[in-house]
Protein backbone atom coordinates (compact mmCIF):
# COMPACT_ATOMS: atom_id res chain seq x y z
CA MET A 1 32.54 -14.78 2.08
CA LYS A 2 29.07 -13.33 1.41
CA ARG A 3 28.12 -16.36 -0.69
CA ASN A 4 29.22 -18.73 2.09
CA LEU A 5 27.15 -16.77 4.61
CA ILE A 6 24.06 -16.96 2.40
CA THR A 7 24.57 -20.69 1.79
CA SER A 8 24.92 -21.32 5.53
CA SER A 9 21.79 -19.29 6.25
CA ILE A 10 19.75 -21.21 3.68
CA THR A 11 20.96 -24.56 5.03
CA ALA A 12 20.01 -23.58 8.58
CA LEU A 13 16.59 -22.34 7.51
CA LEU A 14 15.78 -25.49 5.56
CA VAL A 15 16.78 -27.60 8.55
CA ILE A 16 14.41 -25.54 10.71
CA ALA A 17 11.69 -25.91 8.09
CA GLY A 18 11.86 -29.68 8.25
CA THR A 19 12.15 -30.17 12.01
CA ASN A 20 10.95 -28.81 15.36
CA GLY A 21 7.63 -30.62 15.10
CA PHE A 22 6.23 -28.52 12.27
CA PRO A 23 3.97 -30.32 9.75
CA ASN A 24 6.73 -30.35 7.12
CA ALA A 25 8.61 -32.87 9.26
CA VAL A 26 5.84 -35.49 9.03
CA ALA A 27 6.78 -38.24 6.59
CA ASN A 28 3.26 -38.73 5.23
CA ASP A 29 2.29 -38.09 1.64
CA ASN A 30 -1.24 -37.17 2.76
CA VAL A 31 0.01 -34.31 4.93
CA VAL A 32 0.44 -30.90 3.33
CA LYS A 33 4.03 -29.75 3.77
CA ALA A 34 5.52 -26.28 3.90
CA ASN A 35 7.23 -26.65 0.54
CA ASP A 36 3.89 -27.62 -1.00
CA PHE A 37 2.66 -24.11 -0.21
CA VAL A 38 5.75 -22.48 -1.69
CA GLU A 39 5.29 -24.41 -4.92
CA LEU A 40 1.56 -23.66 -4.97
CA PHE A 41 2.17 -19.92 -4.55
CA GLU A 42 4.46 -20.06 -7.58
CA LYS A 43 1.73 -21.77 -9.60
CA LEU A 44 -0.74 -19.07 -8.61
CA GLY A 45 1.44 -16.00 -9.11
CA GLY A 46 4.34 -17.18 -11.23
CA LYS A 47 8.01 -17.54 -10.35
CA HIS A 48 9.67 -14.27 -9.35
CA PRO A 49 13.26 -14.92 -8.22
CA GLY A 50 14.38 -12.87 -5.25
CA PHE A 51 10.87 -12.02 -4.07
CA ARG A 52 8.70 -13.38 -1.30
CA LYS A 53 6.53 -16.30 -2.35
CA ALA A 54 3.46 -14.69 -0.79
CA HIS A 55 2.74 -10.99 -0.30
CA ALA A 56 5.44 -10.36 -2.88
CA ARG A 57 4.60 -6.71 -3.48
CA GLY A 58 5.43 -4.64 -0.43
CA LEU A 59 6.69 -1.42 1.07
CA CYS A 60 9.30 -1.11 3.82
CA ALA A 61 8.97 1.39 6.65
CA SER A 62 10.53 2.04 10.04
CA GLY A 63 9.38 3.57 13.27
CA THR A 64 9.17 3.29 17.04
CA PHE A 65 7.14 1.26 19.49
CA VAL A 66 5.95 2.92 22.71
CA PRO A 67 4.64 0.23 25.09
CA THR A 68 1.61 0.39 27.35
CA SER A 69 1.99 -1.37 30.69
CA ASN A 70 -0.96 -3.37 32.02
CA GLU A 71 -1.73 -6.11 34.53
CA TYR A 72 -2.31 -8.84 31.95
CA PHE A 73 1.20 -8.60 30.49
CA ASN A 74 2.93 -7.70 33.75
CA LYS A 75 6.73 -7.56 33.48
CA ALA A 76 6.79 -8.52 29.81
CA ALA A 77 10.19 -7.48 28.40
CA LEU A 78 8.38 -6.16 25.34
CA LEU A 79 6.50 -3.67 27.51
CA SER A 80 9.23 -2.90 30.07
CA ASN A 81 12.07 -1.44 28.03
CA GLY A 82 10.79 1.95 26.95
CA VAL A 83 10.73 3.11 23.34
CA LEU A 84 11.94 0.44 20.90
CA PRO A 85 12.81 0.47 17.16
CA VAL A 86 10.46 -1.24 14.70
CA SER A 87 11.03 -2.58 11.19
CA ILE A 88 7.79 -2.63 9.20
CA ARG A 89 6.65 -4.12 5.91
CA PHE A 90 3.26 -3.39 4.35
CA SER A 91 2.13 -5.61 1.49
CA LEU A 92 -0.48 -6.79 -0.99
CA GLY A 93 -1.67 -10.37 -0.98
CA GLY A 94 -0.48 -12.71 -3.72
CA ALA A 95 2.78 -13.94 -5.21
CA ASN A 96 3.11 -11.34 -7.97
CA PRO A 97 5.45 -8.42 -7.14
CA ASN A 98 3.79 -6.43 -9.94
CA SER A 99 0.26 -6.67 -8.54
CA ASP A 100 -2.16 -3.85 -9.33
CA GLU A 101 -2.67 -1.82 -6.13
CA LYS A 102 -6.15 -0.80 -7.31
CA THR A 103 -7.33 -4.38 -6.79
CA PRO A 104 -9.43 -4.89 -3.64
CA GLY A 105 -8.60 -7.64 -1.17
CA ALA A 106 -5.78 -8.67 1.11
CA ARG A 107 -3.33 -6.20 2.61
CA GLY A 108 -0.68 -7.37 5.04
CA ILE A 109 1.66 -6.05 7.68
CA GLY A 110 4.81 -7.35 9.34
CA MET A 111 6.29 -5.59 12.36
CA GLN A 112 9.51 -6.66 14.03
CA ILE A 113 10.38 -4.91 17.28
CA LYS A 114 13.95 -5.10 18.55
CA LEU A 115 14.59 -5.25 22.30
CA PRO A 116 17.78 -3.88 23.94
CA ASN A 117 19.20 -7.39 24.46
CA GLY A 118 18.84 -8.17 20.75
CA ALA A 119 15.68 -10.25 21.13
CA LEU A 120 12.94 -9.75 18.55
CA HIS A 121 9.17 -9.71 18.73
CA THR A 122 7.14 -10.07 15.53
CA PHE A 123 3.58 -9.13 14.69
CA THR A 124 2.31 -10.38 11.32
CA GLY A 125 -1.25 -9.95 10.13
CA ASN A 126 -3.75 -9.12 7.42
CA ASN A 127 -6.73 -6.85 6.95
CA PHE A 128 -9.17 -9.79 7.04
CA PRO A 129 -10.35 -10.97 10.49
CA VAL A 130 -10.52 -14.70 9.74
CA PHE A 131 -8.33 -17.16 7.85
CA ALA A 132 -9.43 -19.17 4.79
CA GLY A 133 -9.43 -22.56 6.47
CA LYS A 134 -9.25 -24.19 9.89
CA ASP A 135 -5.96 -25.97 9.10
CA PRO A 136 -3.21 -26.13 6.45
CA GLN A 137 -4.91 -28.95 4.53
CA THR A 138 -8.16 -27.00 4.14
CA PHE A 139 -6.34 -23.82 3.10
CA TYR A 140 -4.20 -25.72 0.60
CA GLY A 141 -7.29 -27.32 -0.89
CA PHE A 142 -8.93 -23.93 -1.29
CA LEU A 143 -5.89 -22.37 -2.98
CA SER A 144 -5.59 -25.39 -5.29
CA THR A 145 -8.99 -24.55 -6.79
CA LEU A 146 -7.59 -21.18 -7.88
CA VAL A 147 -4.76 -22.62 -9.99
CA PRO A 148 -5.36 -21.87 -13.69
CA ASP A 149 -5.63 -24.71 -16.21
CA GLU A 150 -3.31 -25.19 -19.18
CA ASN A 151 -5.15 -22.37 -20.97
CA GLY A 152 -4.63 -19.95 -18.12
CA LYS A 153 -8.28 -20.04 -17.01
CA ARG A 154 -9.66 -20.65 -13.54
CA ASP A 155 -12.79 -22.64 -12.75
CA PRO A 156 -15.06 -20.53 -10.48
CA ALA A 157 -17.53 -23.41 -10.13
CA ARG A 158 -14.82 -25.62 -8.67
CA THR A 159 -13.88 -22.93 -6.16
CA MET A 160 -17.50 -22.33 -5.17
CA ALA A 161 -18.10 -26.04 -4.66
CA TYR A 162 -15.06 -26.25 -2.39
CA ILE A 163 -16.25 -23.29 -0.33
CA GLN A 164 -19.70 -24.81 0.04
CA ASN A 165 -18.24 -28.12 1.21
CA ASN A 166 -15.77 -26.56 3.65
CA PRO A 167 -17.49 -24.29 6.20
CA SER A 168 -14.22 -23.01 7.68
CA VAL A 169 -13.44 -21.25 4.38
CA GLN A 170 -16.78 -19.46 4.14
CA ALA A 171 -16.26 -16.47 6.44
CA ASN A 172 -13.05 -15.47 4.65
CA ALA A 173 -14.69 -15.99 1.25
CA MET A 174 -17.54 -13.70 2.29
CA TRP A 175 -15.05 -11.05 3.42
CA ASN A 176 -13.28 -11.20 0.06
CA LYS A 177 -16.59 -10.86 -1.77
CA THR A 178 -17.28 -7.51 -0.10
CA ALA A 179 -13.71 -6.22 0.30
CA LYS A 180 -12.83 -2.82 -1.12
CA THR A 181 -9.53 -1.23 -2.11
CA ALA A 182 -7.61 0.28 0.81
CA LEU A 183 -6.99 4.02 0.46
CA SER A 184 -3.63 3.63 2.18
CA TYR A 185 -1.70 1.26 4.37
CA ALA A 186 -2.05 3.97 7.01
CA ASN A 187 -5.84 3.62 6.79
CA THR A 188 -5.96 -0.16 7.18
CA GLU A 189 -6.83 -2.26 10.22
CA PHE A 190 -4.85 -5.48 10.59
CA PHE A 191 -5.70 -8.70 12.44
CA GLY A 192 -3.34 -11.29 13.89
CA ILE A 193 -6.01 -14.09 13.63
CA HIS A 194 -3.80 -16.52 15.61
CA THR A 195 -3.82 -17.10 19.37
CA PHE A 196 -0.82 -16.49 21.61
CA TYR A 197 -0.15 -16.78 25.34
CA PHE A 198 1.78 -14.68 27.80
CA GLU A 199 2.97 -16.38 30.99
CA GLN A 200 3.40 -14.04 33.93
CA PRO A 201 6.04 -14.58 36.61
CA ASN A 202 3.34 -15.92 38.97
CA GLY A 203 2.45 -18.65 36.47
CA ASN A 204 -0.82 -17.14 35.26
CA LYS A 205 -1.33 -17.29 31.51
CA THR A 206 -3.03 -14.64 29.39
CA LYS A 207 -4.67 -15.95 26.23
CA PHE A 208 -4.97 -13.34 23.49
CA ARG A 209 -5.23 -12.40 19.85
CA TRP A 210 -3.96 -9.05 18.65
CA HIS A 211 -5.16 -6.53 16.12
CA ILE A 212 -3.84 -3.17 14.92
CA GLU A 213 -5.91 0.01 14.73
CA PRO A 214 -4.78 2.93 12.49
CA SER A 215 -4.79 6.39 14.10
CA LEU A 216 -5.99 7.93 10.81
CA GLY A 217 -9.01 5.63 10.70
CA VAL A 218 -10.03 2.88 8.28
CA LYS A 219 -10.69 4.27 4.81
CA THR A 220 -11.37 2.47 1.53
CA LEU A 221 -12.07 3.41 -2.08
CA GLU A 222 -15.26 2.68 -3.96
CA LYS A 223 -14.82 0.79 -7.23
CA SER A 224 -15.20 3.96 -9.30
CA GLU A 225 -12.67 5.80 -7.13
CA ALA A 226 -10.13 2.96 -7.29
CA ALA A 227 -10.40 2.85 -11.09
CA LYS A 228 -9.04 6.40 -11.27
CA MET A 229 -5.95 5.62 -9.21
CA PRO A 230 -2.53 4.72 -10.68
CA THR A 231 -1.50 1.07 -10.74
CA ARG A 232 0.98 1.98 -8.01
CA PHE A 233 -0.15 4.60 -5.54
CA LEU A 234 0.31 3.16 -2.04
CA ALA A 235 3.95 4.23 -1.57
CA ASP A 236 3.27 7.83 -2.64
CA THR A 237 0.11 8.00 -0.54
CA LEU A 238 1.90 6.84 2.61
CA ALA A 239 4.82 9.21 1.98
CA GLN A 240 2.40 12.13 1.66
CA GLN A 241 0.59 11.13 4.84
CA LEU A 242 3.90 10.94 6.71
CA ASN A 243 4.63 14.47 5.54
CA ASP A 244 1.20 15.81 6.53
CA ASN A 245 0.28 13.81 9.64
CA THR A 246 1.46 11.51 12.38
CA VAL A 247 0.97 7.97 11.11
CA SER A 248 0.60 5.51 13.95
CA PHE A 249 -1.05 2.24 14.87
CA LYS A 250 -2.29 1.03 18.24
CA ILE A 251 -1.57 -2.64 18.95
CA MET A 252 -4.50 -4.09 20.88
CA ALA A 253 -4.88 -7.49 22.54
CA SER A 254 -8.25 -9.20 22.67
CA LEU A 255 -8.35 -11.36 25.81
CA GLY A 256 -9.85 -14.81 25.23
CA GLU A 257 -12.20 -16.91 27.31
CA PRO A 258 -11.81 -20.68 27.79
CA GLU A 259 -14.42 -21.40 25.11
CA ASP A 260 -12.56 -19.31 22.47
CA SER A 261 -10.62 -21.54 20.09
CA ASP A 262 -6.85 -21.18 20.19
CA ILE A 263 -6.24 -23.54 17.26
CA ASN A 264 -8.74 -22.41 14.62
CA PRO A 265 -7.87 -19.11 12.88
CA SER A 266 -11.02 -19.33 10.74
CA GLN A 267 -13.15 -18.61 13.83
CA GLN A 268 -13.34 -15.01 15.04
CA TRP A 269 -13.64 -14.36 18.75
CA PRO A 270 -16.69 -12.42 20.01
CA SER A 271 -16.30 -8.64 19.75
CA GLU A 272 -17.22 -8.12 23.40
CA ARG A 273 -13.99 -9.69 24.66
CA PRO A 274 -11.91 -7.28 26.82
CA GLN A 275 -9.45 -5.14 24.84
CA VAL A 276 -6.03 -4.19 26.24
CA SER A 277 -3.48 -1.87 24.65
CA LEU A 278 0.02 -3.30 24.17
CA GLY A 279 1.44 -0.08 22.77
CA THR A 280 1.62 2.30 19.83
CA VAL A 281 3.78 2.05 16.72
CA THR A 282 4.57 5.38 15.04
CA VAL A 283 5.84 5.22 11.47
CA LYS A 284 8.76 7.60 10.96
CA SER A 285 9.83 6.86 7.37
CA SER A 286 8.95 4.66 4.40
CA GLY A 287 10.68 3.30 1.31
CA GLY A 288 14.03 1.64 0.77
CA ASP A 289 15.11 -1.98 1.24
CA GLU A 290 15.61 -2.08 4.99
CA CYS A 291 13.13 -4.94 5.44
CA LYS A 292 13.95 -6.83 2.24
CA ASN A 293 15.83 -9.62 3.98
CA THR A 294 13.82 -9.63 7.20
CA ASN A 295 11.90 -12.81 7.98
CA PHE A 296 8.63 -11.71 9.59
CA ASP A 297 7.92 -15.10 11.15
CA PRO A 298 5.03 -14.62 13.65
CA ASN A 299 6.54 -17.30 15.91
CA ILE A 300 9.56 -15.09 16.64
CA LEU A 301 8.51 -13.83 20.08
CA SER A 302 10.14 -12.12 23.04
CA SER A 303 10.43 -13.51 26.57
CA GLY A 304 7.20 -14.70 28.20
CA PHE A 305 5.19 -15.00 24.99
CA THR A 306 4.45 -18.40 23.43
CA PRO A 307 2.52 -19.45 20.33
CA SER A 308 -0.56 -21.65 20.51
CA ALA A 309 -0.81 -25.08 18.90
CA ASP A 310 -2.69 -23.57 15.94
CA PRO A 311 -1.51 -25.76 13.00
CA VAL A 312 -1.67 -22.85 10.54
CA LEU A 313 0.52 -20.75 12.81
CA ARG A 314 3.01 -23.60 13.12
CA MET A 315 3.07 -24.12 9.37
CA ARG A 316 3.98 -20.46 8.86
CA SER A 317 7.47 -20.85 10.37
CA ALA A 318 8.42 -23.64 8.00
CA THR A 319 6.92 -21.94 4.95
CA TYR A 320 8.49 -18.58 5.77
CA ALA A 321 11.87 -20.24 6.29
CA ILE A 322 11.83 -21.92 2.88
CA SER A 323 10.66 -18.73 1.17
CA PHE A 324 13.34 -16.74 3.01
CA GLY A 325 16.04 -19.18 1.98
CA LYS A 326 14.99 -19.04 -1.65
CA ARG A 327 14.90 -15.25 -1.56
CA LEU A 328 18.43 -15.02 -0.13
CA SER A 329 19.72 -17.21 -2.94
CA GLY A 330 17.82 -15.36 -5.66
CA GLN A 331 15.34 -18.16 -6.35
């Protein structure tokens, strides 16, 4: 019975991944498809059956979401149903579930809030404020330069040349060059980077991007400090912080202007855009496998919210679905 359920789930997910207007449905060999990313992640980090194809190393947590009502998201179900449960997953970038947590760079978060009627609302982001490419093709091209050769060596000159020839990769590359090791997931700021809309009952639309601010502040480790840490320290650090403090995150929405791109995640909006609180997530516990089989697809949204036409955002649904299906079947 369980095997039949898993098989049915995988079939449904792969159908979704190849339809609904996502790039994977385009019958064109020149178009990067969702499965191309899954295969590329495996080339970069190796094959690890049963794990996510990206952000493979992670930590589950759970908590509550306390909404903040405001005029821009008036009558949103997400903000009108009181305290709601949240499933959370913190993660390291990359496809290797055994990644060294001392390494500086990408940290991710997935939050899935459950509404009383069973609807879900997902927030998925990273600690970098801009994406490495304006579209899936550019991002795929960048990642392809990182694939090792037959001797297991990468070609930094090839990567640098690609960055120089593709301006939309440059801001993210600069961030990675200066990134430090996060002290804790609880001391990390996360950015949604994609644009979403909320349509109010009167027809007005609010254009926004979200980011998450940690109540304990952003803290990182210098290279010498990180070198002294264990290979795995993030789970223990968060557990200790939960014991000693209240660990929470404020979800903020940056309100866009007409000139702010809603389709290019490699462009950051101006910092002076109005900021509105959507609510606060308080982490209550961490550890366990509660989120192991949760698909943190950022296009899973509650009533009134819609995704933009950002091609990277659209590609995520198809890629996540394929990865999810493989994970359920132990691939």
